[in-house]
Amino acid sequence: MITRIVKLHFQEDKISDFLALFDQVVTKVNAFDGCKKMYMLRDIHNPAVFITHSIWNSENDLNAYRDSELFQSIWPTIKPWFAEKAQAWSLSTDF
């Protein structure tokens, strides 16, 4: 299994746009082949910072999602809304 963590820091005036888009796509991402679960966390001290946490069966499944039309419809939309460059980590579970 692969855990994918992505930190997204949005411009203040784009937070509601992001939340609306996330609400539209979360079910689709969770239904994507190979995705076990995806959810979002929000920084309690900086409400413009969000973390997406997703669990994938394999790196191939994660990459298939990243190459998908679904991802390609999300990322170009939200990228201009960032206040800082997104950070991402793909992690394995060692124990």
Protein backbone atom coordinates (compact mmCIF):
# COMPACT_ATOMS: atom_id res chain seq x y z
CA MET A 1 0.00 0.00 0.00
CA ILE A 2 0.98 3.59 -0.68
CA THR A 3 -0.04 6.60 1.39
CA ARG A 4 -0.07 9.90 -0.45
CA ILE A 5 0.08 13.13 1.54
CA VAL A 6 -0.31 16.44 -0.29
CA LYS A 7 -0.07 19.84 1.43
CA LEU A 8 -2.03 22.59 -0.30
CA HIS A 9 -1.81 26.22 0.79
CA PHE A 10 -4.49 28.33 -0.88
CA GLN A 11 -4.97 32.02 -1.43
CA GLU A 12 -7.54 33.21 1.11
CA ASP A 13 -10.07 34.21 -1.56
CA LYS A 14 -9.90 30.75 -3.21
CA ILE A 15 -10.68 28.61 -0.15
CA SER A 16 -14.43 28.46 -0.80
CA ASP A 17 -13.79 27.57 -4.46
CA PHE A 18 -11.50 24.75 -3.38
CA LEU A 19 -14.00 23.42 -0.83
CA ALA A 20 -16.78 23.44 -3.43
CA LEU A 21 -14.60 21.58 -5.94
CA PHE A 22 -13.42 19.08 -3.34
CA ASP A 23 -17.04 18.35 -2.43
CA GLN A 24 -17.73 17.57 -6.12
CA VAL A 25 -14.75 15.23 -6.61
CA VAL A 26 -14.15 13.44 -3.29
CA THR A 27 -16.63 10.65 -4.08
CA LYS A 28 -15.12 10.17 -7.55
CA VAL A 29 -11.58 9.94 -6.18
CA ASN A 30 -12.67 7.50 -3.49
CA ALA A 31 -14.31 5.37 -6.19
CA PHE A 32 -11.22 5.43 -8.42
CA ASP A 33 -9.75 1.98 -9.03
CA GLY A 34 -7.02 1.30 -6.49
CA CYS A 35 -8.00 4.07 -4.04
CA LYS A 36 -8.82 2.67 -0.64
CA LYS A 37 -9.66 6.03 0.94
CA MET A 38 -9.05 9.73 0.43
CA TYR A 39 -9.91 12.49 2.84
CA MET A 40 -8.88 16.01 3.68
CA LEU A 41 -7.49 17.64 6.80
CA ARG A 42 -7.29 21.36 7.58
CA ASP A 43 -4.69 23.17 9.66
CA ILE A 44 -6.30 24.47 12.84
CA HIS A 45 -3.91 27.45 13.01
CA ASN A 46 -3.94 28.36 9.31
CA PRO A 47 -7.31 27.66 7.66
CA ALA A 48 -5.80 28.22 4.20
CA VAL A 49 -3.67 25.06 4.56
CA PHE A 50 -5.17 21.69 3.67
CA ILE A 51 -3.70 18.21 3.61
CA THR A 52 -5.12 15.49 1.41
CA HIS A 53 -4.45 12.00 2.69
CA SER A 54 -5.07 9.07 0.39
CA ILE A 55 -4.31 5.38 0.55
CA TRP A 56 -3.68 3.41 -2.64
CA ASN A 57 -3.28 -0.30 -3.29
CA SER A 58 -0.05 0.36 -5.20
CA GLU A 59 2.10 3.05 -6.73
CA ASN A 60 0.79 1.95 -10.13
CA ASP A 61 -2.76 2.72 -8.97
CA LEU A 62 -1.67 6.14 -7.70
CA ASN A 63 0.09 6.88 -10.98
CA ALA A 64 -2.97 5.73 -12.96
CA TYR A 65 -5.02 8.26 -11.01
CA ARG A 66 -2.43 11.00 -11.59
CA ASP A 67 -2.60 10.23 -15.34
CA SER A 68 -6.41 10.12 -15.37
CA GLU A 69 -8.89 12.56 -16.85
CA LEU A 70 -10.26 13.05 -13.34
CA PHE A 71 -6.94 14.28 -11.94
CA GLN A 72 -6.32 16.32 -15.09
CA SER A 73 -9.65 18.07 -14.49
CA ILE A 74 -8.75 18.89 -10.87
CA TRP A 75 -5.08 19.90 -10.78
CA PRO A 76 -5.05 22.57 -13.51
CA THR A 77 -8.11 24.13 -11.87
CA ILE A 78 -6.67 24.40 -8.35
CA LYS A 79 -3.03 25.08 -9.16
CA PRO A 80 -3.57 28.82 -9.85
CA TRP A 81 -5.32 29.09 -6.48
CA PHE A 82 -2.20 28.17 -4.49
CA ALA A 83 -0.51 30.73 -2.24
CA GLU A 84 2.56 28.44 -2.12
CA LYS A 85 3.81 25.54 -4.18
CA ALA A 86 2.13 22.26 -3.22
CA GLN A 87 4.20 19.66 -1.39
CA ALA A 88 3.62 15.92 -1.81
CA TRP A 89 4.94 12.71 -0.31
CA SER A 90 4.34 9.09 -1.32
CA LEU A 91 4.97 6.82 1.63
CA SER A 92 5.08 3.12 2.36
CA THR A 93 4.21 1.55 5.69
CA ASP A 94 7.23 -0.16 7.22
CA PHE A 95 5.54 -1.68 10.27
